[in-house]
Amino acid sequence: MWTVYIVHCADNSLYTGIAKDVEERISLHNAGRGAKYTRSRRPVRLVYSESVATRATALRREIEIKRLKRDDKKKLIDTGTD
């Protein structure tokens, strides 16, 4: 299983990514070893996650979410996590 996730960054921005182990990925983000984007925006906290079966599906869903406007991402976050 793969997870598509959204984290809320310290600067109030939202970052979307994918991972096989989302808890480990969040730890990497917070340690400064995750995505370049989140290095200067720590700490981050998980606000949304969605499980999918394959990496390809996760990548497609990540792109869909990244294309959403901030308000639409907030609505998605408000619907909850897996």
PDB file of N, CA and C in Angstrom:
ATOM      1  N   MET A   1       0.831  -1.199   0.000  1.00  0.00           N
ATOM      2  CA  MET A   1       0.000   0.000   0.000  1.00  0.00           C
ATOM      3  C   MET A   1       0.870   1.255   0.000  1.00  0.00           C
ATOM      4  N   TRP A   2       0.384   2.289  -0.662  1.00  0.00           N
ATOM      5  CA  TRP A   2       1.006   3.601  -0.695  1.00  0.00           C
ATOM      6  C   TRP A   2       0.051   4.595  -0.057  1.00  0.00           C
ATOM      7  N   THR A   3       0.582   5.671   0.441  1.00  0.00           N
ATOM      8  CA  THR A   3      -0.229   6.714   1.062  1.00  0.00           C
ATOM      9  C   THR A   3       0.057   8.044   0.403  1.00  0.00           C
ATOM     10  N   VAL A   4      -1.013   8.738   0.043  1.00  0.00           N
ATOM     11  CA  VAL A   4      -0.925  10.120  -0.408  1.00  0.00           C
ATOM     12  C   VAL A   4      -1.250  10.951   0.825  1.00  0.00           C
ATOM     13  N   TYR A   5      -0.433  11.952   1.102  1.00  0.00           N
ATOM     14  CA  TYR A   5      -0.631  12.700   2.334  1.00  0.00           C
ATOM     15  C   TYR A   5      -0.480  14.200   2.123  1.00  0.00           C
ATOM     16  N   ILE A   6      -1.058  14.949   3.047  1.00  0.00           N
ATOM     17  CA  ILE A   6      -0.888  16.400   3.091  1.00  0.00           C
ATOM     18  C   ILE A   6      -0.396  16.738   4.488  1.00  0.00           C
ATOM     19  N   VAL A   7       0.643  17.567   4.550  1.00  0.00           N
ATOM     20  CA  VAL A   7       1.115  18.061   5.834  1.00  0.00           C
ATOM     21  C   VAL A   7       0.913  19.572   5.888  1.00  0.00           C
ATOM     22  N   HIS A   8       0.667  20.036   7.095  1.00  0.00           N
ATOM     23  CA  HIS A   8       0.560  21.476   7.362  1.00  0.00           C
ATOM     24  C   HIS A   8       1.922  21.914   7.872  1.00  0.00           C
ATOM     25  N   CYS A   9       2.522  22.897   7.190  1.00  0.00           N
ATOM     26  CA  CYS A   9       3.860  23.368   7.542  1.00  0.00           C
ATOM     27  C   CYS A   9       3.779  24.529   8.527  1.00  0.00           C
ATOM     28  N   ALA A  10       4.893  24.809   9.195  1.00  0.00           N
ATOM     29  CA  ALA A  10       4.962  25.871  10.196  1.00  0.00           C
ATOM     30  C   ALA A  10       4.636  27.246   9.617  1.00  0.00           C
ATOM     31  N   ASP A  11       4.874  27.446   8.313  1.00  0.00           N
ATOM     32  CA  ASP A  11       4.568  28.736   7.688  1.00  0.00           C
ATOM     33  C   ASP A  11       3.133  28.808   7.168  1.00  0.00           C
ATOM     34  N   ASN A  12       2.319  27.835   7.581  1.00  0.00           N
ATOM     35  CA  ASN A  12       0.901  27.754   7.229  1.00  0.00           C
ATOM     36  C   ASN A  12       0.658  27.286   5.790  1.00  0.00           C
ATOM     37  N   SER A  13       1.676  26.762   5.130  1.00  0.00           N
ATOM     38  CA  SER A  13       1.488  26.220   3.788  1.00  0.00           C
ATOM     39  C   SER A  13       1.133  24.736   3.894  1.00  0.00           C
ATOM     40  N   LEU A  14       0.695  24.182   2.778  1.00  0.00           N
ATOM     41  CA  LEU A  14       0.358  22.767   2.709  1.00  0.00           C
ATOM     42  C   LEU A  14       1.288  22.085   1.721  1.00  0.00           C
ATOM     43  N   TYR A  15       1.769  20.914   2.085  1.00  0.00           N
ATOM     44  CA  TYR A  15       2.648  20.138   1.215  1.00  0.00           C
ATOM     45  C   TYR A  15       2.008  18.777   0.991  1.00  0.00           C
ATOM     46  N   THR A  16       1.995  18.328  -0.252  1.00  0.00           N
ATOM     47  CA  THR A  16       1.422  17.028  -0.608  1.00  0.00           C
ATOM     48  C   THR A  16       2.526  16.101  -1.089  1.00  0.00           C
ATOM     49  N   GLY A  17       2.493  14.856  -0.638  1.00  0.00           N
ATOM     50  CA  GLY A  17       3.488  13.877  -1.055  1.00  0.00           C
ATOM     51  C   GLY A  17       2.942  12.468  -0.990  1.00  0.00           C
ATOM     52  N   ILE A  18       3.805  11.499  -1.308  1.00  0.00           N
ATOM     53  CA  ILE A  18       3.432  10.082  -1.238  1.00  0.00           C
ATOM     54  C   ILE A  18       4.496   9.339  -0.443  1.00  0.00           C
ATOM     55  N   ALA A  19       4.112   8.224   0.147  1.00  0.00           N
ATOM     56  CA  ALA A  19       5.060   7.406   0.914  1.00  0.00           C
ATOM     57  C   ALA A  19       4.503   6.005   1.116  1.00  0.00           C
ATOM     58  N   LYS A  20       5.413   5.051   1.295  1.00  0.00           N
ATOM     59  CA  LYS A  20       5.001   3.708   1.702  1.00  0.00           C
ATOM     60  C   LYS A  20       4.755   3.695   3.199  1.00  0.00           C
ATOM     61  N   ASP A  21       5.574   4.414   3.942  1.00  0.00           N
ATOM     62  CA  ASP A  21       5.441   4.510   5.402  1.00  0.00           C
ATOM     63  C   ASP A  21       5.319   5.991   5.759  1.00  0.00           C
ATOM     64  N   VAL A  22       4.089   6.452   5.905  1.00  0.00           N
ATOM     65  CA  VAL A  22       3.854   7.888   6.088  1.00  0.00           C
ATOM     66  C   VAL A  22       4.416   8.402   7.411  1.00  0.00           C
ATOM     67  N   GLU A  23       4.371   7.613   8.462  1.00  0.00           N
ATOM     68  CA  GLU A  23       4.925   8.064   9.746  1.00  0.00           C
ATOM     69  C   GLU A  23       6.424   8.308   9.638  1.00  0.00           C
ATOM     70  N   GLU A  24       7.123   7.400   8.979  1.00  0.00           N
ATOM     71  CA  GLU A  24       8.562   7.562   8.766  1.00  0.00           C
ATOM     72  C   GLU A  24       8.839   8.790   7.900  1.00  0.00           C
ATOM     73  N   ARG A  25       8.014   9.005   6.888  1.00  0.00           N
ATOM     74  CA  ARG A  25       8.192  10.151   5.995  1.00  0.00           C
ATOM     75  C   ARG A  25       8.004  11.471   6.745  1.00  0.00           C
ATOM     76  N   ILE A  26       7.016  11.540   7.614  1.00  0.00           N
ATOM     77  CA  ILE A  26       6.791  12.755   8.410  1.00  0.00           C
ATOM     78  C   ILE A  26       7.999  12.995   9.314  1.00  0.00           C
ATOM     79  N   SER A  27       8.534  11.929   9.893  1.00  0.00           N
ATOM     80  CA  SER A  27       9.732  12.050  10.723  1.00  0.00           C
ATOM     81  C   SER A  27      10.899  12.603   9.915  1.00  0.00           C
ATOM     82  N   LEU A  28      11.051  12.136   8.692  1.00  0.00           N
ATOM     83  CA  LEU A  28      12.116  12.650   7.830  1.00  0.00           C
ATOM     84  C   LEU A  28      11.910  14.126   7.518  1.00  0.00           C
ATOM     85  N   HIS A  29      10.676  14.503   7.219  1.00  0.00           N
ATOM     86  CA  HIS A  29      10.383  15.927   6.981  1.00  0.00           C
ATOM     87  C   HIS A  29      10.792  16.759   8.189  1.00  0.00           C
ATOM     88  N   ASN A  30      10.403  16.317   9.365  1.00  0.00           N
ATOM     89  CA  ASN A  30      10.681  17.078  10.579  1.00  0.00           C
ATOM     90  C   ASN A  30      12.161  17.058  10.979  1.00  0.00           C
ATOM     91  N   ALA A  31      12.904  16.090  10.476  1.00  0.00           N
ATOM     92  CA  ALA A  31      14.338  16.029  10.736  1.00  0.00           C
ATOM     93  C   ALA A  31      15.132  16.834   9.707  1.00  0.00           C
ATOM     94  N   GLY A  32      14.427  17.399   8.720  1.00  0.00           N
ATOM     95  CA  GLY A  32      15.105  18.177   7.693  1.00  0.00           C
ATOM     96  C   GLY A  32      15.659  17.342   6.556  1.00  0.00           C
ATOM     97  N   ARG A  33      15.282  16.065   6.516  1.00  0.00           N
ATOM     98  CA  ARG A  33      15.780  15.163   5.481  1.00  0.00           C
ATOM     99  C   ARG A  33      14.676  14.727   4.524  1.00  0.00           C
ATOM    100  N   GLY A  34      13.527  15.384   4.595  1.00  0.00           N
ATOM    101  CA  GLY A  34      12.426  15.084   3.681  1.00  0.00           C
ATOM    102  C   GLY A  34      12.571  15.929   2.431  1.00  0.00           C
ATOM    103  N   ALA A  35      11.495  16.411   1.924  1.00  0.00           N
ATOM    104  CA  ALA A  35      11.506  17.232   0.715  1.00  0.00           C
ATOM    105  C   ALA A  35      12.201  18.570   0.963  1.00  0.00           C
ATOM    106  N   LYS A  36      12.848  19.073  -0.064  1.00  0.00           N
ATOM    107  CA  LYS A  36      13.517  20.371   0.027  1.00  0.00           C
ATOM    108  C   LYS A  36      12.533  21.456   0.467  1.00  0.00           C
ATOM    109  N   TYR A  37      11.301  21.367  -0.016  1.00  0.00           N
ATOM    110  CA  TYR A  37      10.281  22.364   0.316  1.00  0.00           C
ATOM    111  C   TYR A  37      10.038  22.457   1.820  1.00  0.00           C
ATOM    112  N   THR A  38      10.012  21.332   2.492  1.00  0.00           N
ATOM    113  CA  THR A  38       9.649  21.335   3.916  1.00  0.00           C
ATOM    114  C   THR A  38      10.827  21.625   4.841  1.00  0.00           C
ATOM    115  N   ARG A  39      12.051  21.592   4.335  1.00  0.00           N
ATOM    116  CA  ARG A  39      13.230  21.787   5.200  1.00  0.00           C
ATOM    117  C   ARG A  39      13.190  23.093   5.974  1.00  0.00           C
ATOM    118  N   SER A  40      12.756  24.147   5.317  1.00  0.00           N
ATOM    119  CA  SER A  40      12.731  25.460   5.981  1.00  0.00           C
ATOM    120  C   SER A  40      11.357  25.786   6.558  1.00  0.00           C
ATOM    121  N   ARG A  41      10.461  24.814   6.534  1.00  0.00           N
ATOM    122  CA  ARG A  41       9.088  25.043   6.987  1.00  0.00           C
ATOM    123  C   ARG A  41       8.693  24.099   8.120  1.00  0.00           C
ATOM    124  N   ARG A  42       9.670  23.653   8.886  1.00  0.00           N
ATOM    125  CA  ARG A  42       9.416  22.714   9.977  1.00  0.00           C
ATOM    126  C   ARG A  42       8.950  23.447  11.221  1.00  0.00           C
ATOM    127  N   PRO A  43       8.226  22.767  12.079  1.00  0.00           N
ATOM    128  CA  PRO A  43       7.778  21.378  11.949  1.00  0.00           C
ATOM    129  C   PRO A  43       6.554  21.270  11.046  1.00  0.00           C
ATOM    130  N   VAL A  44       6.360  20.055  10.552  1.00  0.00           N
ATOM    131  CA  VAL A  44       5.162  19.767   9.770  1.00  0.00           C
ATOM    132  C   VAL A  44       4.312  18.791  10.569  1.00  0.00           C
ATOM    133  N   ARG A  45       3.010  18.813  10.299  1.00  0.00           N
ATOM    134  CA  ARG A  45       2.141  17.820  10.949  1.00  0.00           C
ATOM    135  C   ARG A  45       1.163  17.274   9.913  1.00  0.00           C
ATOM    136  N   LEU A  46       0.917  15.998  10.014  1.00  0.00           N
ATOM    137  CA  LEU A  46       0.025  15.309   9.089  1.00  0.00           C
ATOM    138  C   LEU A  46      -1.405  15.790   9.296  1.00  0.00           C
ATOM    139  N   VAL A  47      -2.060  16.217   8.209  1.00  0.00           N
ATOM    140  CA  VAL A  47      -3.453  16.652   8.312  1.00  0.00           C
ATOM    141  C   VAL A  47      -4.394  15.835   7.425  1.00  0.00           C
ATOM    142  N   TYR A  48      -3.828  15.055   6.491  1.00  0.00           N
ATOM    143  CA  TYR A  48      -4.672  14.251   5.611  1.00  0.00           C
ATOM    144  C   TYR A  48      -3.858  13.082   5.069  1.00  0.00           C
ATOM    145  N   SER A  49      -4.474  11.924   4.960  1.00  0.00           N
ATOM    146  CA  SER A  49      -3.835  10.784   4.296  1.00  0.00           C
ATOM    147  C   SER A  49      -4.901   9.933   3.622  1.00  0.00           C
ATOM    148  N   GLU A  50      -4.463   9.282   2.580  1.00  0.00           N
ATOM    149  CA  GLU A  50      -5.362   8.464   1.755  1.00  0.00           C
ATOM    150  C   GLU A  50      -4.550   7.286   1.236  1.00  0.00           C
ATOM    151  N   SER A  51      -4.999   6.075   1.492  1.00  0.00           N
ATOM    152  CA  SER A  51      -4.288   4.875   1.043  1.00  0.00           C
ATOM    153  C   SER A  51      -4.714   4.492  -0.359  1.00  0.00           C
ATOM    154  N   VAL A  52      -3.714   4.088  -1.160  1.00  0.00           N
ATOM    155  CA  VAL A  52      -3.965   3.602  -2.518  1.00  0.00           C
ATOM    156  C   VAL A  52      -3.121   2.348  -2.733  1.00  0.00           C
ATOM    157  N   ALA A  53      -3.479   1.589  -3.745  1.00  0.00           N
ATOM    158  CA  ALA A  53      -2.848   0.281  -3.930  1.00  0.00           C
ATOM    159  C   ALA A  53      -1.458   0.325  -4.559  1.00  0.00           C
ATOM    160  N   THR A  54      -1.230   1.216  -5.505  1.00  0.00           N
ATOM    161  CA  THR A  54       0.033   1.200  -6.237  1.00  0.00           C
ATOM    162  C   THR A  54       0.717   2.561  -6.231  1.00  0.00           C
ATOM    163  N   ARG A  55       2.009   2.544  -6.524  1.00  0.00           N
ATOM    164  CA  ARG A  55       2.769   3.788  -6.604  1.00  0.00           C
ATOM    165  C   ARG A  55       2.243   4.670  -7.729  1.00  0.00           C
ATOM    166  N   ALA A  56       1.899   4.054  -8.850  1.00  0.00           N
ATOM    167  CA  ALA A  56       1.380   4.814  -9.983  1.00  0.00           C
ATOM    168  C   ALA A  56       0.087   5.542  -9.613  1.00  0.00           C
ATOM    169  N   THR A  57      -0.790   4.861  -8.909  1.00  0.00           N
ATOM    170  CA  THR A  57      -2.038   5.488  -8.458  1.00  0.00           C
ATOM    171  C   THR A  57      -1.741   6.613  -7.480  1.00  0.00           C
ATOM    172  N   ALA A  58      -0.782   6.404  -6.598  1.00  0.00           N
ATOM    173  CA  ALA A  58      -0.403   7.433  -5.629  1.00  0.00           C
ATOM    174  C   ALA A  58       0.133   8.677  -6.341  1.00  0.00           C
ATOM    175  N   LEU A  59       0.975   8.480  -7.336  1.00  0.00           N
ATOM    176  CA  LEU A  59       1.527   9.615  -8.078  1.00  0.00           C
ATOM    177  C   LEU A  59       0.437  10.396  -8.811  1.00  0.00           C
ATOM    178  N   ARG A  60      -0.505   9.676  -9.411  1.00  0.00           N
ATOM    179  CA  ARG A  60      -1.620  10.354 -10.103  1.00  0.00           C
ATOM    180  C   ARG A  60      -2.462  11.157  -9.122  1.00  0.00           C
ATOM    181  N   ARG A  61      -2.750  10.559  -7.976  1.00  0.00           N
ATOM    182  CA  ARG A  61      -3.564  11.250  -6.963  1.00  0.00           C
ATOM    183  C   ARG A  61      -2.808  12.451  -6.386  1.00  0.00           C
ATOM    184  N   GLU A  62      -1.512  12.312  -6.186  1.00  0.00           N
ATOM    185  CA  GLU A  62      -0.694  13.421  -5.695  1.00  0.00           C
ATOM    186  C   GLU A  62      -0.792  14.614  -6.658  1.00  0.00           C
ATOM    187  N   ILE A  63      -0.685  14.352  -7.939  1.00  0.00           N
ATOM    188  CA  ILE A  63      -0.790  15.418  -8.934  1.00  0.00           C
ATOM    189  C   ILE A  63      -2.171  16.061  -8.884  1.00  0.00           C
ATOM    190  N   GLU A  64      -3.221  15.240  -8.770  1.00  0.00           N
ATOM    191  CA  GLU A  64      -4.584  15.781  -8.668  1.00  0.00           C
ATOM    192  C   GLU A  64      -4.706  16.731  -7.480  1.00  0.00           C
ATOM    193  N   ILE A  65      -4.203  16.307  -6.336  1.00  0.00           N
ATOM    194  CA  ILE A  65      -4.304  17.128  -5.126  1.00  0.00           C
ATOM    195  C   ILE A  65      -3.469  18.393  -5.259  1.00  0.00           C
ATOM    196  N   LYS A  66      -2.269  18.276  -5.800  1.00  0.00           N
ATOM    197  CA  LYS A  66      -1.407  19.449  -5.965  1.00  0.00           C
ATOM    198  C   LYS A  66      -2.038  20.496  -6.876  1.00  0.00           C
ATOM    199  N   ARG A  67      -2.864  20.072  -7.804  1.00  0.00           N
ATOM    200  CA  ARG A  67      -3.527  21.009  -8.720  1.00  0.00           C
ATOM    201  C   ARG A  67      -4.726  21.721  -8.096  1.00  0.00           C
ATOM    202  N   LEU A  68      -5.187  21.214  -6.949  1.00  0.00           N
ATOM    203  CA  LEU A  68      -6.327  21.846  -6.282  1.00  0.00           C
ATOM    204  C   LEU A  68      -5.946  23.205  -5.711  1.00  0.00           C
ATOM    205  N   LYS A  69      -6.916  24.097  -5.650  1.00  0.00           N
ATOM    206  CA  LYS A  69      -6.714  25.371  -4.970  1.00  0.00           C
ATOM    207  C   LYS A  69      -6.672  25.104  -3.468  1.00  0.00           C
ATOM    208  N   ARG A  70      -6.080  26.018  -2.726  1.00  0.00           N
ATOM    209  CA  ARG A  70      -5.927  25.853  -1.272  1.00  0.00           C
ATOM    210  C   ARG A  70      -7.270  25.587  -0.594  1.00  0.00           C
ATOM    211  N   ASP A  71      -8.309  26.334  -0.962  1.00  0.00           N
ATOM    212  CA  ASP A  71      -9.624  26.126  -0.344  1.00  0.00           C
ATOM    213  C   ASP A  71     -10.149  24.713  -0.595  1.00  0.00           C
ATOM    214  N   ASP A  72      -9.904  24.192  -1.792  1.00  0.00           N
ATOM    215  CA  ASP A  72     -10.344  22.833  -2.100  1.00  0.00           C
ATOM    216  C   ASP A  72      -9.532  21.799  -1.319  1.00  0.00           C
ATOM    217  N   LYS A  73      -8.249  22.074  -1.104  1.00  0.00           N
ATOM    218  CA  LYS A  73      -7.429  21.181  -0.274  1.00  0.00           C
ATOM    219  C   LYS A  73      -7.945  21.188   1.160  1.00  0.00           C
ATOM    220  N   LYS A  74      -8.328  22.366   1.648  1.00  0.00           N
ATOM    221  CA  LYS A  74      -8.860  22.450   3.017  1.00  0.00           C
ATOM    222  C   LYS A  74     -10.156  21.651   3.136  1.00  0.00           C
ATOM    223  N   LYS A  75     -11.008  21.705   2.117  1.00  0.00           N
ATOM    224  CA  LYS A  75     -12.244  20.909   2.128  1.00  0.00           C
ATOM    225  C   LYS A  75     -11.912  19.422   2.170  1.00  0.00           C
ATOM    226  N   LEU A  76     -10.924  19.015   1.398  1.00  0.00           N
ATOM    227  CA  LEU A  76     -10.493  17.616   1.385  1.00  0.00           C
ATOM    228  C   LEU A  76      -9.980  17.215   2.775  1.00  0.00           C
ATOM    229  N   ILE A  77      -9.195  18.073   3.389  1.00  0.00           N
ATOM    230  CA  ILE A  77      -8.674  17.814   4.739  1.00  0.00           C
ATOM    231  C   ILE A  77      -9.831  17.701   5.734  1.00  0.00           C
ATOM    232  N   ASP A  78     -10.826  18.558   5.598  1.00  0.00           N
ATOM    233  CA  ASP A  78     -11.974  18.534   6.513  1.00  0.00           C
ATOM    234  C   ASP A  78     -12.789  17.254   6.407  1.00  0.00           C
ATOM    235  N   THR A  79     -12.700  16.546   5.265  1.00  0.00           N
ATOM    236  CA  THR A  79     -13.439  15.292   5.109  1.00  0.00           C
ATOM    237  C   THR A  79     -12.820  14.178   5.940  1.00  0.00           C
ATOM    238  N   GLY A  80     -11.570  14.382   6.367  1.00  0.00           N
ATOM    239  CA  GLY A  80     -10.934  13.406   7.248  1.00  0.00           C
ATOM    240  C   GLY A  80      -9.873  12.601   6.569  1.00  0.00           C
ATOM    241  N   THR A  81      -9.258  11.712   7.367  1.00  0.00           N
ATOM    242  CA  THR A  81      -8.202  10.835   6.887  1.00  0.00           C
ATOM    243  C   THR A  81      -8.686   9.405   6.928  1.00  0.00           C
ATOM    244  N   ASP A  82      -7.892   8.525   6.305  1.00  0.00           N
ATOM    245  CA  ASP A  82      -8.219   7.094   6.317  1.00  0.00           C
ATOM    246  C   ASP A  82      -8.292   6.566   7.721  1.00  0.00           C
TER     247      ASP A  82
END
